[in-house]
Amino acid sequence: MVENVIWPAYLDADLSRAEGRRVAEELAVEEPTVDEIAKAVQQIGYDATIEREKSYSREHWADRGRVVVRGSDDSKNDLVQAVAAYVVAMRD
């Protein structure tokens, strides 16, 4: 079974692509949380596990956590794009 990890930095509008953002600016949000990401993953239909004590290597000083996604057949890029779209929709 494939596991993918989604870090909040992937969706953070305050970061550049070089700093770790993986989605277009239109799909990025300010200060995404692991709770929002996990809820979006579950709405897509996959299992999500929140690991709050983890730090993204490019933001080692910030314990924003991460979301581990299990059971995804999509590529990681497709998964991150879909999650970002759901997070944007949840905030609207």
PDB file of N, CA and C in Angstrom:
ATOM      1  N   MET A   1       0.844  -1.182   0.000  1.00  0.00           N
ATOM      2  CA  MET A   1       0.000   0.000   0.000  1.00  0.00           C
ATOM      3  C   MET A   1       0.891   1.249   0.000  1.00  0.00           C
ATOM      4  N   VAL A   2       0.534   2.187  -0.826  1.00  0.00           N
ATOM      5  CA  VAL A   2       1.315   3.404  -0.972  1.00  0.00           C
ATOM      6  C   VAL A   2       0.895   4.433   0.076  1.00  0.00           C
ATOM      7  N   GLU A   3       1.886   5.075   0.673  1.00  0.00           N
ATOM      8  CA  GLU A   3       1.624   6.182   1.591  1.00  0.00           C
ATOM      9  C   GLU A   3       2.203   7.448   0.995  1.00  0.00           C
ATOM     10  N   ASN A   4       1.434   8.508   1.031  1.00  0.00           N
ATOM     11  CA  ASN A   4       1.910   9.820   0.611  1.00  0.00           C
ATOM     12  C   ASN A   4       1.838  10.751   1.799  1.00  0.00           C
ATOM     13  N   VAL A   5       2.776  11.669   1.889  1.00  0.00           N
ATOM     14  CA  VAL A   5       2.796  12.648   2.967  1.00  0.00           C
ATOM     15  C   VAL A   5       2.489  14.012   2.373  1.00  0.00           C
ATOM     16  N   ILE A   6       1.561  14.726   3.000  1.00  0.00           N
ATOM     17  CA  ILE A   6       1.246  16.094   2.591  1.00  0.00           C
ATOM     18  C   ILE A   6       1.597  17.018   3.741  1.00  0.00           C
ATOM     19  N   TRP A   7       2.509  17.937   3.484  1.00  0.00           N
ATOM     20  CA  TRP A   7       2.912  18.929   4.465  1.00  0.00           C
ATOM     21  C   TRP A   7       2.113  20.210   4.219  1.00  0.00           C
ATOM     22  N   PRO A   8       1.749  20.949   5.259  1.00  0.00           N
ATOM     23  CA  PRO A   8       1.043  22.220   5.071  1.00  0.00           C
ATOM     24  C   PRO A   8       1.793  23.195   4.165  1.00  0.00           C
ATOM     25  N   ALA A   9       3.109  23.134   4.158  1.00  0.00           N
ATOM     26  CA  ALA A   9       3.905  24.028   3.309  1.00  0.00           C
ATOM     27  C   ALA A   9       3.553  23.859   1.829  1.00  0.00           C
ATOM     28  N   TYR A  10       3.109  22.671   1.423  1.00  0.00           N
ATOM     29  CA  TYR A  10       2.758  22.432   0.027  1.00  0.00           C
ATOM     30  C   TYR A  10       1.642  23.355  -0.437  1.00  0.00           C
ATOM     31  N   LEU A  11       0.782  23.790   0.490  1.00  0.00           N
ATOM     32  CA  LEU A  11      -0.396  24.582   0.143  1.00  0.00           C
ATOM     33  C   LEU A  11      -0.318  26.024   0.631  1.00  0.00           C
ATOM     34  N   ASP A  12       0.802  26.416   1.209  1.00  0.00           N
ATOM     35  CA  ASP A  12       0.925  27.718   1.881  1.00  0.00           C
ATOM     36  C   ASP A  12       1.181  28.846   0.885  1.00  0.00           C
ATOM     37  N   ALA A  13       0.253  29.810   0.838  1.00  0.00           N
ATOM     38  CA  ALA A  13       0.348  30.939  -0.088  1.00  0.00           C
ATOM     39  C   ALA A  13       1.505  31.869   0.251  1.00  0.00           C
ATOM     40  N   ASP A  14       1.987  31.836   1.473  1.00  0.00           N
ATOM     41  CA  ASP A  14       3.082  32.710   1.885  1.00  0.00           C
ATOM     42  C   ASP A  14       4.446  32.201   1.435  1.00  0.00           C
ATOM     43  N   LEU A  15       4.502  30.996   0.892  1.00  0.00           N
ATOM     44  CA  LEU A  15       5.770  30.410   0.463  1.00  0.00           C
ATOM     45  C   LEU A  15       5.879  30.416  -1.058  1.00  0.00           C
ATOM     46  N   SER A  16       7.107  30.501  -1.533  1.00  0.00           N
ATOM     47  CA  SER A  16       7.352  30.386  -2.975  1.00  0.00           C
ATOM     48  C   SER A  16       7.504  28.899  -3.317  1.00  0.00           C
ATOM     49  N   ARG A  17       7.583  28.623  -4.594  1.00  0.00           N
ATOM     50  CA  ARG A  17       7.819  27.241  -5.014  1.00  0.00           C
ATOM     51  C   ARG A  17       9.163  26.752  -4.485  1.00  0.00           C
ATOM     52  N   ALA A  18      10.167  27.628  -4.502  1.00  0.00           N
ATOM     53  CA  ALA A  18      11.495  27.262  -4.013  1.00  0.00           C
ATOM     54  C   ALA A  18      11.484  26.965  -2.517  1.00  0.00           C
ATOM     55  N   GLU A  19      10.558  27.572  -1.793  1.00  0.00           N
ATOM     56  CA  GLU A  19      10.458  27.367  -0.350  1.00  0.00           C
ATOM     57  C   GLU A  19       9.599  26.159   0.013  1.00  0.00           C
ATOM     58  N   GLY A  20       8.970  25.525  -0.985  1.00  0.00           N
ATOM     59  CA  GLY A  20       8.250  24.288  -0.718  1.00  0.00           C
ATOM     60  C   GLY A  20       6.804  24.220  -1.161  1.00  0.00           C
ATOM     61  N   ARG A  21       6.238  25.328  -1.656  1.00  0.00           N
ATOM     62  CA  ARG A  21       4.844  25.275  -2.123  1.00  0.00           C
ATOM     63  C   ARG A  21       4.792  24.434  -3.389  1.00  0.00           C
ATOM     64  N   ARG A  22       3.766  23.577  -3.510  1.00  0.00           N
ATOM     65  CA  ARG A  22       3.666  22.683  -4.671  1.00  0.00           C
ATOM     66  C   ARG A  22       2.436  22.940  -5.527  1.00  0.00           C
ATOM     67  N   VAL A  23       1.645  23.927  -5.177  1.00  0.00           N
ATOM     68  CA  VAL A  23       0.439  24.219  -5.952  1.00  0.00           C
ATOM     69  C   VAL A  23       0.518  25.638  -6.511  1.00  0.00           C
ATOM     70  N   ALA A  24      -0.287  25.904  -7.519  1.00  0.00           N
ATOM     71  CA  ALA A  24      -0.348  27.245  -8.089  1.00  0.00           C
ATOM     72  C   ALA A  24      -0.868  28.231  -7.042  1.00  0.00           C
ATOM     73  N   GLU A  25      -0.547  29.490  -7.221  1.00  0.00           N
ATOM     74  CA  GLU A  25      -0.974  30.506  -6.262  1.00  0.00           C
ATOM     75  C   GLU A  25      -2.493  30.537  -6.106  1.00  0.00           C
ATOM     76  N   GLU A  26      -3.230  30.227  -7.162  1.00  0.00           N
ATOM     77  CA  GLU A  26      -4.698  30.236  -7.111  1.00  0.00           C
ATOM     78  C   GLU A  26      -5.245  29.151  -6.169  1.00  0.00           C
ATOM     79  N   LEU A  27      -4.487  28.084  -5.981  1.00  0.00           N
ATOM     80  CA  LEU A  27      -4.927  26.992  -5.109  1.00  0.00           C
ATOM     81  C   LEU A  27      -4.286  27.051  -3.726  1.00  0.00           C
ATOM     82  N   ALA A  28      -3.382  27.981  -3.520  1.00  0.00           N
ATOM     83  CA  ALA A  28      -2.702  28.099  -2.227  1.00  0.00           C
ATOM     84  C   ALA A  28      -3.568  28.914  -1.262  1.00  0.00           C
ATOM     85  N   VAL A  29      -3.427  28.625   0.030  1.00  0.00           N
ATOM     86  CA  VAL A  29      -4.164  29.347   1.075  1.00  0.00           C
ATOM     87  C   VAL A  29      -3.179  29.815   2.142  1.00  0.00           C
ATOM     88  N   GLU A  30      -3.581  30.799   2.911  1.00  0.00           N
ATOM     89  CA  GLU A  30      -2.721  31.279   3.991  1.00  0.00           C
ATOM     90  C   GLU A  30      -2.836  30.367   5.196  1.00  0.00           C
ATOM     91  N   GLU A  31      -1.704  29.971   5.731  1.00  0.00           N
ATOM     92  CA  GLU A  31      -1.597  29.148   6.927  1.00  0.00           C
ATOM     93  C   GLU A  31      -2.526  27.934   6.929  1.00  0.00           C
ATOM     94  N   PRO A  32      -2.347  27.010   5.979  1.00  0.00           N
ATOM     95  CA  PRO A  32      -3.165  25.791   5.981  1.00  0.00           C
ATOM     96  C   PRO A  32      -2.847  24.942   7.216  1.00  0.00           C
ATOM     97  N   THR A  33      -3.851  24.260   7.733  1.00  0.00           N
ATOM     98  CA  THR A  33      -3.657  23.422   8.915  1.00  0.00           C
ATOM     99  C   THR A  33      -3.748  21.950   8.538  1.00  0.00           C
ATOM    100  N   VAL A  34      -3.178  21.105   9.381  1.00  0.00           N
ATOM    101  CA  VAL A  34      -3.259  19.666   9.124  1.00  0.00           C
ATOM    102  C   VAL A  34      -4.699  19.184   9.242  1.00  0.00           C
ATOM    103  N   ASP A  35      -5.503  19.842  10.069  1.00  0.00           N
ATOM    104  CA  ASP A  35      -6.913  19.449  10.202  1.00  0.00           C
ATOM    105  C   ASP A  35      -7.671  19.697   8.896  1.00  0.00           C
ATOM    106  N   GLU A  36      -7.430  20.845   8.271  1.00  0.00           N
ATOM    107  CA  GLU A  36      -8.066  21.144   6.983  1.00  0.00           C
ATOM    108  C   GLU A  36      -7.620  20.147   5.916  1.00  0.00           C
ATOM    109  N   ILE A  37      -6.334  19.870   5.895  1.00  0.00           N
ATOM    110  CA  ILE A  37      -5.797  18.947   4.896  1.00  0.00           C
ATOM    111  C   ILE A  37      -6.378  17.549   5.091  1.00  0.00           C
ATOM    112  N   ALA A  38      -6.428  17.081   6.338  1.00  0.00           N
ATOM    113  CA  ALA A  38      -6.976  15.746   6.620  1.00  0.00           C
ATOM    114  C   ALA A  38      -8.443  15.660   6.233  1.00  0.00           C
ATOM    115  N   LYS A  39      -9.209  16.719   6.501  1.00  0.00           N
ATOM    116  CA  LYS A  39     -10.630  16.725   6.135  1.00  0.00           C
ATOM    117  C   LYS A  39     -10.790  16.666   4.614  1.00  0.00           C
ATOM    118  N   ALA A  40      -9.947  17.407   3.885  1.00  0.00           N
ATOM    119  CA  ALA A  40      -9.988  17.379   2.421  1.00  0.00           C
ATOM    120  C   ALA A  40      -9.626  15.995   1.889  1.00  0.00           C
ATOM    121  N   VAL A  41      -8.614  15.367   2.472  1.00  0.00           N
ATOM    122  CA  VAL A  41      -8.211  14.022   2.051  1.00  0.00           C
ATOM    123  C   VAL A  41      -9.362  13.038   2.250  1.00  0.00           C
ATOM    124  N   GLN A  42     -10.039  13.142   3.377  1.00  0.00           N
ATOM    125  CA  GLN A  42     -11.165  12.240   3.652  1.00  0.00           C
ATOM    126  C   GLN A  42     -12.323  12.497   2.694  1.00  0.00           C
ATOM    127  N   GLN A  43     -12.551  13.741   2.303  1.00  0.00           N
ATOM    128  CA  GLN A  43     -13.618  14.038   1.342  1.00  0.00           C
ATOM    129  C   GLN A  43     -13.302  13.470  -0.036  1.00  0.00           C
ATOM    130  N   ILE A  44     -12.019  13.381  -0.358  1.00  0.00           N
ATOM    131  CA  ILE A  44     -11.630  12.779  -1.632  1.00  0.00           C
ATOM    132  C   ILE A  44     -11.839  11.265  -1.586  1.00  0.00           C
ATOM    133  N   GLY A  45     -11.801  10.706  -0.383  1.00  0.00           N
ATOM    134  CA  GLY A  45     -12.082   9.280  -0.240  1.00  0.00           C
ATOM    135  C   GLY A  45     -10.925   8.432   0.236  1.00  0.00           C
ATOM    136  N   TYR A  46      -9.894   9.055   0.789  1.00  0.00           N
ATOM    137  CA  TYR A  46      -8.746   8.308   1.280  1.00  0.00           C
ATOM    138  C   TYR A  46      -8.634   8.431   2.794  1.00  0.00           C
ATOM    139  N   ASP A  47      -7.877   7.510   3.382  1.00  0.00           N
ATOM    140  CA  ASP A  47      -7.630   7.548   4.824  1.00  0.00           C
ATOM    141  C   ASP A  47      -6.519   8.546   5.117  1.00  0.00           C
ATOM    142  N   ALA A  48      -6.731   9.355   6.156  1.00  0.00           N
ATOM    143  CA  ALA A  48      -5.738  10.364   6.535  1.00  0.00           C
ATOM    144  C   ALA A  48      -5.374  10.201   8.004  1.00  0.00           C
ATOM    145  N   THR A  49      -4.080  10.276   8.288  1.00  0.00           N
ATOM    146  CA  THR A  49      -3.578  10.237   9.655  1.00  0.00           C
ATOM    147  C   THR A  49      -2.785  11.510   9.898  1.00  0.00           C
ATOM    148  N   ILE A  50      -3.126  12.224  10.960  1.00  0.00           N
ATOM    149  CA  ILE A  50      -2.427  13.459  11.300  1.00  0.00           C
ATOM    150  C   ILE A  50      -1.279  13.126  12.247  1.00  0.00           C
ATOM    151  N   GLU A  51      -0.100  13.633  11.930  1.00  0.00           N
ATOM    152  CA  GLU A  51       1.072  13.508  12.798  1.00  0.00           C
ATOM    153  C   GLU A  51       1.506  14.929  13.155  1.00  0.00           C
ATOM    154  N   ARG A  52       1.045  15.417  14.297  1.00  0.00           N
ATOM    155  CA  ARG A  52       1.225  16.819  14.686  1.00  0.00           C
ATOM    156  C   ARG A  52       2.652  17.179  15.100  1.00  0.00           C
ATOM    157  N   GLU A  53       3.426  16.224  15.558  1.00  0.00           N
ATOM    158  CA  GLU A  53       4.751  16.532  16.100  1.00  0.00           C
ATOM    159  C   GLU A  53       5.843  16.602  15.033  1.00  0.00           C
ATOM    160  N   LYS A  54       5.502  16.445  13.779  1.00  0.00           N
ATOM    161  CA  LYS A  54       6.494  16.421  12.700  1.00  0.00           C
ATOM    162  C   LYS A  54       6.751  17.826  12.154  1.00  0.00           C
ATOM    163  N   SER A  55       7.970  18.026  11.650  1.00  0.00           N
ATOM    164  CA  SER A  55       8.362  19.309  11.057  1.00  0.00           C
ATOM    165  C   SER A  55       8.884  19.087   9.643  1.00  0.00           C
ATOM    166  N   TYR A  56       8.435  19.917   8.731  1.00  0.00           N
ATOM    167  CA  TYR A  56       8.910  19.896   7.347  1.00  0.00           C
ATOM    168  C   TYR A  56      10.378  20.303   7.340  1.00  0.00           C
ATOM    169  N   SER A  57      11.191  19.621   6.570  1.00  0.00           N
ATOM    170  CA  SER A  57      12.634  19.855   6.608  1.00  0.00           C
ATOM    171  C   SER A  57      13.026  21.290   6.249  1.00  0.00           C
ATOM    172  N   ARG A  58      12.237  21.941   5.415  1.00  0.00           N
ATOM    173  CA  ARG A  58      12.544  23.326   5.063  1.00  0.00           C
ATOM    174  C   ARG A  58      12.023  24.318   6.095  1.00  0.00           C
ATOM    175  N   GLU A  59      11.237  23.824   7.050  1.00  0.00           N
ATOM    176  CA  GLU A  59      10.713  24.650   8.150  1.00  0.00           C
ATOM    177  C   GLU A  59      10.928  23.904   9.457  1.00  0.00           C
ATOM    178  N   HIS A  60      12.137  23.480   9.714  1.00  0.00           N
ATOM    179  CA  HIS A  60      12.414  22.624  10.869  1.00  0.00           C
ATOM    180  C   HIS A  60      12.085  23.279  12.202  1.00  0.00           C
ATOM    181  N   TRP A  61      11.960  24.590  12.241  1.00  0.00           N
ATOM    182  CA  TRP A  61      11.655  25.308  13.484  1.00  0.00           C
ATOM    183  C   TRP A  61      10.151  25.342  13.787  1.00  0.00           C
ATOM    184  N   ALA A  62       9.311  25.020  12.802  1.00  0.00           N
ATOM    185  CA  ALA A  62       7.859  25.110  12.961  1.00  0.00           C
ATOM    186  C   ALA A  62       7.248  23.710  13.008  1.00  0.00           C
ATOM    187  N   ASP A  63       6.596  23.370  14.100  1.00  0.00           N
ATOM    188  CA  ASP A  63       5.919  22.076  14.228  1.00  0.00           C
ATOM    189  C   ASP A  63       4.486  22.202  13.713  1.00  0.00           C
ATOM    190  N   ARG A  64       4.348  22.242  12.386  1.00  0.00           N
ATOM    191  CA  ARG A  64       3.007  22.362  11.802  1.00  0.00           C
ATOM    192  C   ARG A  64       2.381  20.999  11.556  1.00  0.00           C
ATOM    193  N   GLY A  65       3.160  19.942  11.668  1.00  0.00           N
ATOM    194  CA  GLY A  65       2.644  18.600  11.474  1.00  0.00           C
ATOM    195  C   GLY A  65       2.606  18.208  10.009  1.00  0.00           C
ATOM    196  N   ARG A  66       2.052  17.018   9.779  1.00  0.00           N
ATOM    197  CA  ARG A  66       1.891  16.505   8.423  1.00  0.00           C
ATOM    198  C   ARG A  66       0.704  15.574   8.392  1.00  0.00           C
ATOM    199  N   VAL A  67       0.237  15.260   7.190  1.00  0.00           N
ATOM    200  CA  VAL A  67      -0.865  14.325   6.998  1.00  0.00           C
ATOM    201  C   VAL A  67      -0.357  13.168   6.148  1.00  0.00           C
ATOM    202  N   VAL A  68      -0.512  11.961   6.658  1.00  0.00           N
ATOM    203  CA  VAL A  68      -0.133  10.752   5.915  1.00  0.00           C
ATOM    204  C   VAL A  68      -1.390  10.213   5.252  1.00  0.00           C
ATOM    205  N   VAL A  69      -1.326  10.026   3.934  1.00  0.00           N
ATOM    206  CA  VAL A  69      -2.471   9.558   3.146  1.00  0.00           C
ATOM    207  C   VAL A  69      -2.214   8.121   2.735  1.00  0.00           C
ATOM    208  N   ARG A  70      -3.168   7.253   3.048  1.00  0.00           N
ATOM    209  CA  ARG A  70      -3.042   5.832   2.699  1.00  0.00           C
ATOM    210  C   ARG A  70      -4.124   5.453   1.685  1.00  0.00           C
ATOM    211  N   GLY A  71      -3.772   4.564   0.800  1.00  0.00           N
ATOM    212  CA  GLY A  71      -4.746   4.021  -0.135  1.00  0.00           C
ATOM    213  C   GLY A  71      -4.943   4.839  -1.388  1.00  0.00           C
ATOM    214  N   SER A  72      -4.081   5.804  -1.641  1.00  0.00           N
ATOM    215  CA  SER A  72      -4.225   6.645  -2.821  1.00  0.00           C
ATOM    216  C   SER A  72      -3.640   5.952  -4.048  1.00  0.00           C
ATOM    217  N   ASP A  73      -4.435   5.903  -5.111  1.00  0.00           N
ATOM    218  CA  ASP A  73      -3.952   5.363  -6.372  1.00  0.00           C
ATOM    219  C   ASP A  73      -3.446   6.475  -7.285  1.00  0.00           C
ATOM    220  N   ASP A  74      -3.734   7.730  -6.900  1.00  0.00           N
ATOM    221  CA  ASP A  74      -3.322   8.882  -7.700  1.00  0.00           C
ATOM    222  C   ASP A  74      -1.838   9.165  -7.501  1.00  0.00           C
ATOM    223  N   SER A  75      -1.271   9.910  -8.440  1.00  0.00           N
ATOM    224  CA  SER A  75       0.107  10.367  -8.246  1.00  0.00           C
ATOM    225  C   SER A  75       0.102  11.394  -7.112  1.00  0.00           C
ATOM    226  N   LYS A  76       1.253  11.615  -6.528  1.00  0.00           N
ATOM    227  CA  LYS A  76       1.329  12.569  -5.424  1.00  0.00           C
ATOM    228  C   LYS A  76       0.922  13.966  -5.897  1.00  0.00           C
ATOM    229  N   ASN A  77       1.346  14.354  -7.083  1.00  0.00           N
ATOM    230  CA  ASN A  77       0.993  15.669  -7.599  1.00  0.00           C
ATOM    231  C   ASN A  77      -0.524  15.810  -7.755  1.00  0.00           C
ATOM    232  N   ASP A  78      -1.180  14.802  -8.337  1.00  0.00           N
ATOM    233  CA  ASP A  78      -2.635  14.847  -8.495  1.00  0.00           C
ATOM    234  C   ASP A  78      -3.331  14.922  -7.138  1.00  0.00           C
ATOM    235  N   LEU A  79      -2.833  14.169  -6.181  1.00  0.00           N
ATOM    236  CA  LEU A  79      -3.401  14.169  -4.838  1.00  0.00           C
ATOM    237  C   LEU A  79      -3.279  15.552  -4.187  1.00  0.00           C
ATOM    238  N   VAL A  80      -2.093  16.155  -4.256  1.00  0.00           N
ATOM    239  CA  VAL A  80      -1.877  17.469  -3.652  1.00  0.00           C
ATOM    240  C   VAL A  80      -2.756  18.524  -4.324  1.00  0.00           C
ATOM    241  N   GLN A  81      -2.893  18.465  -5.636  1.00  0.00           N
ATOM    242  CA  GLN A  81      -3.743  19.424  -6.353  1.00  0.00           C
ATOM    243  C   GLN A  81      -5.204  19.286  -5.931  1.00  0.00           C
ATOM    244  N   ALA A  82      -5.688  18.047  -5.806  1.00  0.00           N
ATOM    245  CA  ALA A  82      -7.076  17.813  -5.398  1.00  0.00           C
ATOM    246  C   ALA A  82      -7.314  18.275  -3.969  1.00  0.00           C
ATOM    247  N   VAL A  83      -6.378  17.990  -3.086  1.00  0.00           N
ATOM    248  CA  VAL A  83      -6.500  18.423  -1.690  1.00  0.00           C
ATOM    249  C   VAL A  83      -6.521  19.942  -1.615  1.00  0.00           C
ATOM    250  N   ALA A  84      -5.652  20.594  -2.366  1.00  0.00           N
ATOM    251  CA  ALA A  84      -5.615  22.055  -2.373  1.00  0.00           C
ATOM    252  C   ALA A  84      -6.953  22.632  -2.834  1.00  0.00           C
ATOM    253  N   ALA A  85      -7.545  22.057  -3.871  1.00  0.00           N
ATOM    254  CA  ALA A  85      -8.835  22.539  -4.362  1.00  0.00           C
ATOM    255  C   ALA A  85      -9.920  22.394  -3.299  1.00  0.00           C
ATOM    256  N   TYR A  86      -9.922  21.294  -2.552  1.00  0.00           N
ATOM    257  CA  TYR A  86     -10.895  21.103  -1.479  1.00  0.00           C
ATOM    258  C   TYR A  86     -10.679  22.090  -0.339  1.00  0.00           C
ATOM    259  N   VAL A  87      -9.436  22.343   0.013  1.00  0.00           N
ATOM    260  CA  VAL A  87      -9.151  23.292   1.108  1.00  0.00           C
ATOM    261  C   VAL A  87      -9.631  24.692   0.703  1.00  0.00           C
ATOM    262  N   VAL A  88      -9.384  25.101  -0.533  1.00  0.00           N
ATOM    263  CA  VAL A  88      -9.873  26.401  -1.024  1.00  0.00           C
ATOM    264  C   VAL A  88     -11.391  26.442  -0.948  1.00  0.00           C
ATOM    265  N   ALA A  89     -12.055  25.374  -1.391  1.00  0.00           N
ATOM    266  CA  ALA A  89     -13.517  25.323  -1.363  1.00  0.00           C
ATOM    267  C   ALA A  89     -14.070  25.361   0.054  1.00  0.00           C
ATOM    268  N   MET A  90     -13.389  24.706   0.993  1.00  0.00           N
ATOM    269  CA  MET A  90     -13.857  24.701   2.391  1.00  0.00           C
ATOM    270  C   MET A  90     -13.744  26.094   2.999  1.00  0.00           C
ATOM    271  N   ARG A  91     -12.765  26.861   2.576  1.00  0.00           N
ATOM    272  CA  ARG A  91     -12.568  28.215   3.135  1.00  0.00           C
ATOM    273  C   ARG A  91     -13.530  29.232   2.527  1.00  0.00           C
ATOM    274  N   ASP A  92     -14.088  28.937   1.361  1.00  0.00           N
ATOM    275  CA  ASP A  92     -15.019  29.885   0.727  1.00  0.00           C
ATOM    276  C   ASP A  92     -16.400  29.842   1.328  1.00  0.00           C
TER     277      ASP A  92
END
